[in-house]
PDB file of N, CA and C in Angstrom:
ATOM      1  N   MET A   1      12.584   1.086   9.418  1.00  0.00           N
ATOM      2  CA  MET A   1      13.265   2.811   8.203  1.00  0.00           C
ATOM      3  C   MET A   1      11.189   2.433   8.012  1.00  0.00           C
ATOM      4  N   LYS A   2      10.823   3.524   8.535  1.00  0.00           N
ATOM      5  CA  LYS A   2       9.376   4.003   8.221  1.00  0.00           C
ATOM      6  C   LYS A   2       8.962   4.416   6.629  1.00  0.00           C
ATOM      7  N   SER A   3       7.752   4.192   6.223  1.00  0.00           N
ATOM      8  CA  SER A   3       7.767   4.003   4.937  1.00  0.00           C
ATOM      9  C   SER A   3       6.518   4.733   4.701  1.00  0.00           C
ATOM     10  N   LYS A   4       6.511   4.864   4.039  1.00  0.00           N
ATOM     11  CA  LYS A   4       4.311   5.673   3.348  1.00  0.00           C
ATOM     12  C   LYS A   4       4.255   5.341   2.143  1.00  0.00           C
ATOM     13  N   ILE A   5       3.157   4.255   1.396  1.00  0.00           N
ATOM     14  CA  ILE A   5       2.757   3.992  -0.087  1.00  0.00           C
ATOM     15  C   ILE A   5       1.088   4.455  -0.163  1.00  0.00           C
ATOM     16  N   HIS A   6       1.791   5.769  -1.255  1.00  0.00           N
ATOM     17  CA  HIS A   6      -0.079   5.801  -1.806  1.00  0.00           C
ATOM     18  C   HIS A   6      -0.171   5.887  -3.288  1.00  0.00           C
ATOM     19  N   ARG A   7      -1.061   6.249  -3.876  1.00  0.00           N
ATOM     20  CA  ARG A   7      -1.386   6.476  -5.621  1.00  0.00           C
ATOM     21  C   ARG A   7      -0.825   7.623  -6.769  1.00  0.00           C
ATOM     22  N   CYS A   8      -0.468   7.317  -7.287  1.00  0.00           N
ATOM     23  CA  CYS A   8      -0.067   8.938  -7.909  1.00  0.00           C
ATOM     24  C   CYS A   8      -0.814   8.765  -8.964  1.00  0.00           C
ATOM     25  N   ASN A   9      -2.399   8.913  -9.170  1.00  0.00           N
ATOM     26  CA  ASN A   9      -2.945   9.273  -9.693  1.00  0.00           C
ATOM     27  C   ASN A   9      -2.457   9.421 -10.799  1.00  0.00           C
ATOM     28  N   CYS A  10      -1.391  10.999 -11.846  1.00  0.00           N
ATOM     29  CA  CYS A  10      -1.229  11.862 -11.973  1.00  0.00           C
ATOM     30  C   CYS A  10      -0.688  11.132 -13.390  1.00  0.00           C
ATOM     31  N   SER A  11       0.585   9.298 -12.542  1.00  0.00           N
ATOM     32  CA  SER A  11       1.144   8.517 -13.320  1.00  0.00           C
ATOM     33  C   SER A  11       1.331   7.464 -13.630  1.00  0.00           C
ATOM     34  N   ASN A  12      -0.574   6.926 -12.950  1.00  0.00           N
ATOM     35  CA  ASN A  12      -1.406   5.254 -12.462  1.00  0.00           C
ATOM     36  C   ASN A  12       0.219   4.361 -12.095  1.00  0.00           C
ATOM     37  N   THR A  13       0.699   4.895 -10.749  1.00  0.00           N
ATOM     38  CA  THR A  13       1.700   3.972 -10.429  1.00  0.00           C
ATOM     39  C   THR A  13       1.576   4.188  -8.318  1.00  0.00           C
ATOM     40  N   TRP A  14       2.379   2.853  -7.906  1.00  0.00           N
ATOM     41  CA  TRP A  14       2.583   3.631  -6.825  1.00  0.00           C
ATOM     42  C   TRP A  14       4.197   3.895  -6.143  1.00  0.00           C
ATOM     43  N   THR A  15       3.958   4.639  -4.679  1.00  0.00           N
ATOM     44  CA  THR A  15       4.448   5.180  -4.535  1.00  0.00           C
ATOM     45  C   THR A  15       4.864   4.808  -3.503  1.00  0.00           C
ATOM     46  N   VAL A  16       6.411   5.014  -2.937  1.00  0.00           N
ATOM     47  CA  VAL A  16       7.126   4.657  -1.561  1.00  0.00           C
ATOM     48  C   VAL A  16       7.721   5.055  -1.552  1.00  0.00           C
ATOM     49  N   GLN A  17       7.466   6.519  -0.269  1.00  0.00           N
ATOM     50  CA  GLN A  17       9.134   7.573   0.223  1.00  0.00           C
ATOM     51  C   GLN A  17       9.301   7.153   1.669  1.00  0.00           C
ATOM     52  N   ASN A  18      10.320   7.429   2.030  1.00  0.00           N
ATOM     53  CA  ASN A  18      10.819   7.721   3.491  1.00  0.00           C
ATOM     54  C   ASN A  18      11.778   8.324   3.416  1.00  0.00           C
ATOM     55  N   ARG A  19      12.596   8.390   3.902  1.00  0.00           N
ATOM     56  CA  ARG A  19      12.961  10.148   5.035  1.00  0.00           C
ATOM     57  C   ARG A  19      14.703   9.676   3.553  1.00  0.00           C
ATOM     58  N   LYS A  20      15.272   8.330   3.039  1.00  0.00           N
ATOM     59  CA  LYS A  20      15.803   9.078   2.287  1.00  0.00           C
ATOM     60  C   LYS A  20      15.367   8.088   1.056  1.00  0.00           C
ATOM     61  N   CYS A  21      14.579   7.983   0.611  1.00  0.00           N
ATOM     62  CA  CYS A  21      14.386   8.249  -0.774  1.00  0.00           C
ATOM     63  C   CYS A  21      12.470   7.911  -1.150  1.00  0.00           C
ATOM     64  N   SER A  22      11.763   7.802  -2.418  1.00  0.00           N
ATOM     65  CA  SER A  22      11.321   7.947  -3.469  1.00  0.00           C
ATOM     66  C   SER A  22      11.465   6.798  -4.755  1.00  0.00           C
ATOM     67  N   ILE A  23      10.257   5.949  -4.656  1.00  0.00           N
ATOM     68  CA  ILE A  23      10.527   4.814  -5.573  1.00  0.00           C
ATOM     69  C   ILE A  23       9.063   4.674  -6.096  1.00  0.00           C
ATOM     70  N   ARG A  24       8.949   4.369  -7.455  1.00  0.00           N
ATOM     71  CA  ARG A  24       7.954   4.777  -8.077  1.00  0.00           C
ATOM     72  C   ARG A  24       7.821   2.767  -9.055  1.00  0.00           C
ATOM     73  N   ALA A  25       6.311   2.641  -8.946  1.00  0.00           N
ATOM     74  CA  ALA A  25       6.208   1.038  -9.789  1.00  0.00           C
ATOM     75  C   ALA A  25       5.058   0.471  -9.246  1.00  0.00           C
ATOM     76  N   ASN A  26       5.127  -0.112 -10.662  1.00  0.00           N
ATOM     77  CA  ASN A  26       3.279  -0.673 -11.526  1.00  0.00           C
ATOM     78  C   ASN A  26       2.419  -1.495 -10.675  1.00  0.00           C
ATOM     79  N   THR A  27       3.425  -2.295  -9.805  1.00  0.00           N
ATOM     80  CA  THR A  27       3.272  -2.757  -8.205  1.00  0.00           C
ATOM     81  C   THR A  27       3.569  -3.258  -7.517  1.00  0.00           C
ATOM     82  N   MET A  28       3.225  -4.162  -5.598  1.00  0.00           N
ATOM     83  CA  MET A  28       3.924  -3.808  -5.043  1.00  0.00           C
ATOM     84  C   MET A  28       3.490  -4.476  -4.371  1.00  0.00           C
ATOM     85  N   LEU A  29       4.515  -5.383  -3.191  1.00  0.00           N
ATOM     86  CA  LEU A  29       3.704  -6.076  -2.537  1.00  0.00           C
ATOM     87  C   LEU A  29       3.770  -5.873  -0.659  1.00  0.00           C
ATOM     88  N   LEU A  30       3.147  -5.830   0.207  1.00  0.00           N
ATOM     89  CA  LEU A  30       4.179  -5.297   1.139  1.00  0.00           C
ATOM     90  C   LEU A  30       4.555  -6.599   2.287  1.00  0.00           C
ATOM     91  N   ASN A  31       4.806  -7.738   2.892  1.00  0.00           N
ATOM     92  CA  ASN A  31       4.923  -8.753   3.335  1.00  0.00           C
ATOM     93  C   ASN A  31       5.599  -7.952   4.900  1.00  0.00           C
ATOM     94  N   GLY A  32       4.270  -8.283   5.314  1.00  0.00           N
ATOM     95  CA  GLY A  32       4.288  -7.741   6.847  1.00  0.00           C
ATOM     96  C   GLY A  32       3.149  -7.385   7.584  1.00  0.00           C
ATOM     97  N   LYS A  33       3.717  -6.788   8.297  1.00  0.00           N
ATOM     98  CA  LYS A  33       1.761  -5.483   9.520  1.00  0.00           C
ATOM     99  C   LYS A  33       3.059  -4.052   8.062  1.00  0.00           C
ATOM    100  N   TRP A  34       0.805  -3.471   8.545  1.00  0.00           N
ATOM    101  CA  TRP A  34       1.104  -3.076   7.803  1.00  0.00           C
ATOM    102  C   TRP A  34      -0.322  -1.062   8.628  1.00  0.00           C
ATOM    103  N   TYR A  35      -0.302  -0.308   8.988  1.00  0.00           N
ATOM    104  CA  TYR A  35      -0.362   0.087   9.108  1.00  0.00           C
ATOM    105  C   TYR A  35      -1.706   1.440   8.122  1.00  0.00           C
ATOM    106  N   VAL A  36      -2.988   2.635   8.767  1.00  0.00           N
ATOM    107  CA  VAL A  36      -2.966   3.562   7.765  1.00  0.00           C
ATOM    108  C   VAL A  36      -2.726   5.206   7.975  1.00  0.00           C
ATOM    109  N   GLU A  37      -2.005   5.809   7.679  1.00  0.00           N
ATOM    110  CA  GLU A  37      -1.600   6.894   8.126  1.00  0.00           C
ATOM    111  C   GLU A  37      -2.922   7.844   7.865  1.00  0.00           C
ATOM    112  N   LEU A  38      -3.638   9.110   8.504  1.00  0.00           N
ATOM    113  CA  LEU A  38      -4.603   9.742   7.175  1.00  0.00           C
ATOM    114  C   LEU A  38      -4.126  11.372   7.731  1.00  0.00           C
ATOM    115  N   LYS A  39      -4.188  11.839   7.433  1.00  0.00           N
ATOM    116  CA  LYS A  39      -3.567  13.306   6.949  1.00  0.00           C
ATOM    117  C   LYS A  39      -4.589  15.180   7.101  1.00  0.00           C
ATOM    118  N   PRO A  40      -6.295  14.737   7.001  1.00  0.00           N
ATOM    119  CA  PRO A  40      -7.207  15.037   6.645  1.00  0.00           C
ATOM    120  C   PRO A  40      -7.135  16.967   7.204  1.00  0.00           C
ATOM    121  N   LYS A  41      -5.716  17.016   7.537  1.00  0.00           N
ATOM    122  CA  LYS A  41      -5.351  18.836   7.648  1.00  0.00           C
ATOM    123  C   LYS A  41      -4.224  19.443   6.423  1.00  0.00           C
ATOM    124  N   ARG A  42      -4.032  18.311   5.919  1.00  0.00           N
ATOM    125  CA  ARG A  42      -2.413  18.709   4.709  1.00  0.00           C
ATOM    126  C   ARG A  42      -3.869  19.359   3.624  1.00  0.00           C
ATOM    127  N   LYS A  43      -3.209  20.056   3.098  1.00  0.00           N
ATOM    128  CA  LYS A  43      -3.356  21.191   2.016  1.00  0.00           C
ATOM    129  C   LYS A  43      -3.859  20.259   0.953  1.00  0.00           C
ATOM    130  N   SER A  44      -2.622  19.728   0.442  1.00  0.00           N
ATOM    131  CA  SER A  44      -2.861  18.857  -0.706  1.00  0.00           C
ATOM    132  C   SER A  44      -2.720  17.167  -1.121  1.00  0.00           C
ATOM    133  N   ASN A  45      -2.984  15.778  -1.509  1.00  0.00           N
ATOM    134  CA  ASN A  45      -3.613  15.118  -1.273  1.00  0.00           C
ATOM    135  C   ASN A  45      -1.988  15.004  -1.705  1.00  0.00           C
ATOM    136  N   PRO A  46      -1.622  13.388  -1.674  1.00  0.00           N
ATOM    137  CA  PRO A  46      -2.358  12.321  -0.811  1.00  0.00           C
ATOM    138  C   PRO A  46      -2.520  12.694   1.054  1.00  0.00           C
ATOM    139  N   LYS A  47      -4.374  12.081   2.015  1.00  0.00           N
ATOM    140  CA  LYS A  47      -4.036  12.828   3.530  1.00  0.00           C
ATOM    141  C   LYS A  47      -4.156  11.620   3.422  1.00  0.00           C
ATOM    142  N   GLY A  48      -4.387   9.749   2.715  1.00  0.00           N
ATOM    143  CA  GLY A  48      -4.969   8.730   3.320  1.00  0.00           C
ATOM    144  C   GLY A  48      -2.902   8.360   2.960  1.00  0.00           C
ATOM    145  N   PHE A  49      -2.776   7.327   3.570  1.00  0.00           N
ATOM    146  CA  PHE A  49      -0.901   6.518   3.537  1.00  0.00           C
ATOM    147  C   PHE A  49      -1.405   5.064   4.141  1.00  0.00           C
ATOM    148  N   VAL A  50      -1.313   4.196   3.504  1.00  0.00           N
ATOM    149  CA  VAL A  50      -0.423   2.950   4.082  1.00  0.00           C
ATOM    150  C   VAL A  50       1.584   3.164   4.637  1.00  0.00           C
ATOM    151  N   VAL A  51       1.197   2.803   5.673  1.00  0.00           N
ATOM    152  CA  VAL A  51       2.547   2.405   5.794  1.00  0.00           C
ATOM    153  C   VAL A  51       3.610   1.264   6.806  1.00  0.00           C
ATOM    154  N   THR A  52       4.153   1.429   6.793  1.00  0.00           N
ATOM    155  CA  THR A  52       5.284   0.474   7.680  1.00  0.00           C
ATOM    156  C   THR A  52       6.648   0.914   8.479  1.00  0.00           C
ATOM    157  N   ASP A  53       6.454   0.104   9.069  1.00  0.00           N
ATOM    158  CA  ASP A  53       7.654   0.633  10.385  1.00  0.00           C
ATOM    159  C   ASP A  53       8.791  -0.768   8.884  1.00  0.00           C
ATOM    160  N   ARG A  54       8.768  -1.238   8.321  1.00  0.00           N
ATOM    161  CA  ARG A  54       9.861  -1.320   8.472  1.00  0.00           C
ATOM    162  C   ARG A  54      10.088  -2.656   6.329  1.00  0.00           C
ATOM    163  N   SER A  55      10.191  -0.295   6.245  1.00  0.00           N
ATOM    164  CA  SER A  55      10.953  -0.703   4.893  1.00  0.00           C
ATOM    165  C   SER A  55      10.930  -2.200   3.763  1.00  0.00           C
ATOM    166  N   GLU A  56      12.072  -2.799   4.362  1.00  0.00           N
ATOM    167  CA  GLU A  56      12.171  -3.943   3.729  1.00  0.00           C
ATOM    168  C   GLU A  56      11.650  -5.169   3.542  1.00  0.00           C
ATOM    169  N   ASP A  57      10.381  -4.878   3.694  1.00  0.00           N
ATOM    170  CA  ASP A  57       9.034  -6.092   3.616  1.00  0.00           C
ATOM    171  C   ASP A  57       8.617  -4.792   2.618  1.00  0.00           C
ATOM    172  N   ILE A  58       8.254  -4.047   1.969  1.00  0.00           N
ATOM    173  CA  ILE A  58       7.996  -4.573   0.481  1.00  0.00           C
ATOM    174  C   ILE A  58       8.655  -4.191  -0.623  1.00  0.00           C
ATOM    175  N   ILE A  59       7.901  -5.271  -1.586  1.00  0.00           N
ATOM    176  CA  ILE A  59       9.510  -5.171  -2.417  1.00  0.00           C
ATOM    177  C   ILE A  59       8.493  -4.999  -3.971  1.00  0.00           C
ATOM    178  N   ILE A  60       9.336  -4.404  -4.568  1.00  0.00           N
ATOM    179  CA  ILE A  60       8.234  -3.816  -6.481  1.00  0.00           C
ATOM    180  C   ILE A  60       8.292  -4.979  -7.303  1.00  0.00           C
ATOM    181  N   SER A  61       7.540  -4.212  -7.861  1.00  0.00           N
ATOM    182  CA  SER A  61       7.860  -5.045  -8.549  1.00  0.00           C
ATOM    183  C   SER A  61       7.584  -7.018  -8.844  1.00  0.00           C
ATOM    184  N   PRO A  62       6.332  -7.642  -7.640  1.00  0.00           N
ATOM    185  CA  PRO A  62       6.874  -8.688  -7.349  1.00  0.00           C
ATOM    186  C   PRO A  62       7.097 -10.450  -8.436  1.00  0.00           C
ATOM    187  N   PRO A  63       6.794 -11.237  -8.398  1.00  0.00           N
ATOM    188  CA  PRO A  63       7.082 -11.990  -9.248  1.00  0.00           C
ATOM    189  C   PRO A  63       5.629 -12.911  -9.184  1.00  0.00           C
ATOM    190  N   LYS A  64       5.678 -13.907 -10.392  1.00  0.00           N
ATOM    191  CA  LYS A  64       4.042 -13.717  -9.952  1.00  0.00           C
ATOM    192  C   LYS A  64       3.424 -15.421  -8.744  1.00  0.00           C
ATOM    193  N   HIS A  65       4.504 -15.731  -9.324  1.00  0.00           N
ATOM    194  CA  HIS A  65       4.795 -17.458  -8.640  1.00  0.00           C
ATOM    195  C   HIS A  65       4.842 -16.707  -6.483  1.00  0.00           C
ATOM    196  N   LEU A  66       4.593 -15.394  -5.897  1.00  0.00           N
ATOM    197  CA  LEU A  66       5.426 -15.460  -4.535  1.00  0.00           C
ATOM    198  C   LEU A  66       3.085 -15.253  -4.290  1.00  0.00           C
ATOM    199  N   PHE A  67       2.605 -14.980  -5.428  1.00  0.00           N
ATOM    200  CA  PHE A  67       0.737 -14.718  -4.761  1.00  0.00           C
ATOM    201  C   PHE A  67       0.630 -16.473  -4.316  1.00  0.00           C
ATOM    202  N   GLU A  68       1.057 -17.362  -5.128  1.00  0.00           N
ATOM    203  CA  GLU A  68       0.620 -18.801  -4.919  1.00  0.00           C
ATOM    204  C   GLU A  68       0.375 -19.327  -3.120  1.00  0.00           C
ATOM    205  N   ASN A  69       1.708 -18.341  -2.717  1.00  0.00           N
ATOM    206  CA  ASN A  69       1.368 -18.462  -1.455  1.00  0.00           C
ATOM    207  C   ASN A  69       0.022 -18.345  -0.240  1.00  0.00           C
ATOM    208  N   PHE A  70      -1.029 -17.287  -0.777  1.00  0.00           N
ATOM    209  CA  PHE A  70      -1.813 -15.697  -1.116  1.00  0.00           C
ATOM    210  C   PHE A  70      -3.161 -16.385  -0.929  1.00  0.00           C
ATOM    211  N   ASN A  71      -4.019 -15.886  -0.729  1.00  0.00           N
ATOM    212  CA  ASN A  71      -5.500 -15.935  -0.898  1.00  0.00           C
ATOM    213  C   ASN A  71      -5.635 -14.486  -0.699  1.00  0.00           C
ATOM    214  N   LYS A  72      -6.318 -13.397  -1.482  1.00  0.00           N
ATOM    215  CA  LYS A  72      -7.438 -12.343  -1.935  1.00  0.00           C
ATOM    216  C   LYS A  72      -8.389 -12.576  -1.082  1.00  0.00           C
ATOM    217  N   ILE A  73      -8.496 -11.197   0.395  1.00  0.00           N
ATOM    218  CA  ILE A  73      -9.648 -11.959   1.209  1.00  0.00           C
ATOM    219  C   ILE A  73      -9.923  -9.828   1.040  1.00  0.00           C
ATOM    220  N   LYS A  74      -9.673  -9.084   0.970  1.00  0.00           N
ATOM    221  CA  LYS A  74     -10.424  -7.886   0.693  1.00  0.00           C
ATOM    222  C   LYS A  74     -10.306  -6.743  -0.111  1.00  0.00           C
ATOM    223  N   LYS A  75     -10.533  -5.512  -1.170  1.00  0.00           N
ATOM    224  CA  LYS A  75      -9.833  -4.710  -0.882  1.00  0.00           C
ATOM    225  C   LYS A  75     -10.074  -3.556  -0.043  1.00  0.00           C
ATOM    226  N   LEU A  76      -9.290  -3.209  -0.309  1.00  0.00           N
ATOM    227  CA  LEU A  76      -8.431  -2.532   0.955  1.00  0.00           C
ATOM    228  C   LEU A  76      -8.889  -1.200   0.353  1.00  0.00           C
ATOM    229  N   VAL A  77     -10.104   0.221   0.714  1.00  0.00           N
ATOM    230  CA  VAL A  77     -10.500   1.259   0.277  1.00  0.00           C
ATOM    231  C   VAL A  77     -10.248   2.094   0.783  1.00  0.00           C
ATOM    232  N   TYR A  78      -9.876   3.385  -0.078  1.00  0.00           N
ATOM    233  CA  TYR A  78      -9.578   4.364   1.156  1.00  0.00           C
ATOM    234  C   TYR A  78     -10.677   5.673   0.346  1.00  0.00           C
ATOM    235  N   ASP A  79     -11.447   6.004   1.096  1.00  0.00           N
ATOM    236  CA  ASP A  79     -12.668   6.943   0.593  1.00  0.00           C
ATOM    237  C   ASP A  79     -11.720   8.097   0.465  1.00  0.00           C
ATOM    238  N   LYS A  80     -12.045   9.230  -0.705  1.00  0.00           N
ATOM    239  CA  LYS A  80     -10.981  10.785  -1.176  1.00  0.00           C
ATOM    240  C   LYS A  80     -11.365  11.785   0.044  1.00  0.00           C
ATOM    241  N   GLU A  81     -13.282  11.384  -0.319  1.00  0.00           N
ATOM    242  CA  GLU A  81     -13.993  12.766  -0.201  1.00  0.00           C
ATOM    243  C   GLU A  81     -13.375  13.163   1.444  1.00  0.00           C
ATOM    244  N   ASN A  82     -13.649  11.377   2.434  1.00  0.00           N
ATOM    245  CA  ASN A  82     -14.115  11.331   3.704  1.00  0.00           C
ATOM    246  C   ASN A  82     -12.639  11.381   4.347  1.00  0.00           C
ATOM    247  N   VAL A  83     -11.229  11.187   4.006  1.00  0.00           N
ATOM    248  CA  VAL A  83      -9.849  10.621   4.059  1.00  0.00           C
ATOM    249  C   VAL A  83     -10.401   9.931   5.215  1.00  0.00           C
ATOM    250  N   PHE A  84     -10.947   8.608   4.848  1.00  0.00           N
ATOM    251  CA  PHE A  84     -10.959   7.918   5.770  1.00  0.00           C
ATOM    252  C   PHE A  84     -10.808   5.811   5.010  1.00  0.00           C
ATOM    253  N   PHE A  85     -10.377   5.323   5.449  1.00  0.00           N
ATOM    254  CA  PHE A  85      -9.977   3.685   4.879  1.00  0.00           C
ATOM    255  C   PHE A  85     -10.653   2.511   5.825  1.00  0.00           C
ATOM    256  N   ASN A  86     -10.613   1.413   5.145  1.00  0.00           N
ATOM    257  CA  ASN A  86     -12.697   0.528   5.428  1.00  0.00           C
ATOM    258  C   ASN A  86     -11.541   0.242   6.584  1.00  0.00           C
ATOM    259  N   VAL A  87     -10.235  -0.127   5.974  1.00  0.00           N
ATOM    260  CA  VAL A  87      -9.335  -1.044   7.603  1.00  0.00           C
ATOM    261  C   VAL A  87      -8.076  -0.111   7.954  1.00  0.00           C
ATOM    262  N   GLN A  88      -7.510  -0.692   9.254  1.00  0.00           N
ATOM    263  CA  GLN A  88      -7.046  -0.026   9.180  1.00  0.00           C
ATOM    264  C   GLN A  88      -6.036  -0.009   9.721  1.00  0.00           C
ATOM    265  N   GLN A  89      -5.669  -1.677  10.290  1.00  0.00           N
ATOM    266  CA  GLN A  89      -4.250  -2.407   9.917  1.00  0.00           C
ATOM    267  C   GLN A  89      -4.562  -3.309   9.983  1.00  0.00           C
ATOM    268  N   GLY A  90      -3.311  -4.556   9.413  1.00  0.00           N
ATOM    269  CA  GLY A  90      -3.306  -5.805   9.101  1.00  0.00           C
ATOM    270  C   GLY A  90      -1.718  -5.758   8.350  1.00  0.00           C
ATOM    271  N   GLU A  91      -1.944  -7.170   8.031  1.00  0.00           N
ATOM    272  CA  GLU A  91      -0.380  -7.644   7.517  1.00  0.00           C
ATOM    273  C   GLU A  91      -1.201  -8.550   5.749  1.00  0.00           C
ATOM    274  N   TYR A  92      -0.341  -7.713   5.113  1.00  0.00           N
ATOM    275  CA  TYR A  92      -0.260  -8.387   3.500  1.00  0.00           C
ATOM    276  C   TYR A  92      -1.359  -7.672   3.141  1.00  0.00           C
ATOM    277  N   LEU A  93       0.073  -6.614   2.122  1.00  0.00           N
ATOM    278  CA  LEU A  93      -0.933  -5.987   0.983  1.00  0.00           C
ATOM    279  C   LEU A  93      -0.251  -6.792  -0.440  1.00  0.00           C
ATOM    280  N   TYR A  94      -0.924  -6.177  -1.087  1.00  0.00           N
ATOM    281  CA  TYR A  94      -0.522  -6.261  -3.055  1.00  0.00           C
ATOM    282  C   TYR A  94      -1.278  -5.105  -3.448  1.00  0.00           C
ATOM    283  N   PHE A  95      -0.913  -4.093  -3.996  1.00  0.00           N
ATOM    284  CA  PHE A  95      -0.511  -2.642  -4.906  1.00  0.00           C
ATOM    285  C   PHE A  95      -0.951  -3.090  -6.666  1.00  0.00           C
ATOM    286  N   ALA A  96      -2.113  -3.377  -7.207  1.00  0.00           N
ATOM    287  CA  ALA A  96      -2.733  -4.451  -8.146  1.00  0.00           C
ATOM    288  C   ALA A  96      -1.535  -2.661  -9.137  1.00  0.00           C
ATOM    289  N   GLU A  97      -1.709  -3.187  -9.883  1.00  0.00           N
ATOM    290  CA  GLU A  97      -1.316  -2.172 -11.773  1.00  0.00           C
ATOM    291  C   GLU A  97      -2.395  -1.246 -11.440  1.00  0.00           C
ATOM    292  N   ASP A  98      -3.496  -1.211 -11.828  1.00  0.00           N
ATOM    293  CA  ASP A  98      -4.627  -0.943 -12.253  1.00  0.00           C
ATOM    294  C   ASP A  98      -5.341  -0.060 -10.834  1.00  0.00           C
ATOM    295  N   GLY A  99      -4.752   0.163  -9.691  1.00  0.00           N
ATOM    296  CA  GLY A  99      -4.859   0.861  -8.859  1.00  0.00           C
ATOM    297  C   GLY A  99      -5.473   0.610  -7.421  1.00  0.00           C
ATOM    298  N   ALA A 100      -6.091  -1.198  -7.290  1.00  0.00           N
ATOM    299  CA  ALA A 100      -7.111  -1.876  -6.461  1.00  0.00           C
ATOM    300  C   ALA A 100      -5.300  -2.277  -5.584  1.00  0.00           C
ATOM    301  N   CYS A 101      -6.487  -2.246  -3.695  1.00  0.00           N
ATOM    302  CA  CYS A 101      -5.050  -2.666  -3.093  1.00  0.00           C
ATOM    303  C   CYS A 101      -5.933  -3.936  -2.553  1.00  0.00           C
ATOM    304  N   TYR A 102      -5.137  -4.767  -2.324  1.00  0.00           N
ATOM    305  CA  TYR A 102      -5.665  -6.008  -1.734  1.00  0.00           C
ATOM    306  C   TYR A 102      -5.035  -6.761  -0.492  1.00  0.00           C
ATOM    307  N   ILE A 103      -5.838  -7.019  -0.106  1.00  0.00           N
ATOM    308  CA  ILE A 103      -5.692  -7.411   2.452  1.00  0.00           C
ATOM    309  C   ILE A 103      -5.246  -8.722   1.627  1.00  0.00           C
ATOM    310  N   LEU A 104      -4.332  -9.600   2.018  1.00  0.00           N
ATOM    311  CA  LEU A 104      -4.348 -10.673   1.430  1.00  0.00           C
ATOM    312  C   LEU A 104      -3.966 -11.379   2.704  1.00  0.00           C
ATOM    313  N   GLN A 105      -4.439 -13.010   3.025  1.00  0.00           N
ATOM    314  CA  GLN A 105      -4.501 -13.907   3.577  1.00  0.00           C
ATOM    315  C   GLN A 105      -3.002 -14.780   2.920  1.00  0.00           C
ATOM    316  N   ILE A 106      -1.715 -15.444   4.051  1.00  0.00           N
ATOM    317  CA  ILE A 106      -1.203 -16.891   3.829  1.00  0.00           C
ATOM    318  C   ILE A 106      -2.535 -17.863   3.691  1.00  0.00           C
ATOM    319  N   LYS A 107      -1.786 -18.908   2.513  1.00  0.00           N
ATOM    320  CA  LYS A 107      -3.110 -19.498   1.897  1.00  0.00           C
ATOM    321  C   LYS A 107      -2.684 -20.960   3.262  1.00  0.00           C
ATOM    322  N   ARG A 108      -3.679 -21.523   3.548  1.00  0.00           N
ATOM    323  CA  ARG A 108      -3.209 -23.267   5.046  1.00  0.00           C
ATOM    324  C   ARG A 108      -2.859 -24.047   4.209  1.00  0.00           C
TER     325      ARG A 108
END
C-alpha cells in the first residue's frame, strides 16, 4: 500500500500516512525503494513527501543493531521555499530523531 512520510515540525516527529492510518514516530527506517512526491500548488504544508509503494518496508523506531548493515551516504534535503528535494528516488532511508533524513547504502 502506498504510504507518504513527512516531518511534522509542530511535534518534532515523523509521520507516515496511508489511506488506512496515520502513525507518528521519532525515528523510522525505510528498508526499500522510495521516491519523492511534490505538491507545490497545495495551500498548506507539507508540500513535499517521501513515498513508498510498500508500507511493509517502513520500520517504526528501528533497533540500533539494524544500522550495522548500512553506511550513511548523504542527507536527503527538502527545500521548503522552492518545494524541491536534492534526490528524487532511491533505496533505504533513515529518518532521524533530530529531523534529518539520511540516504543509506548496504555495507559490502
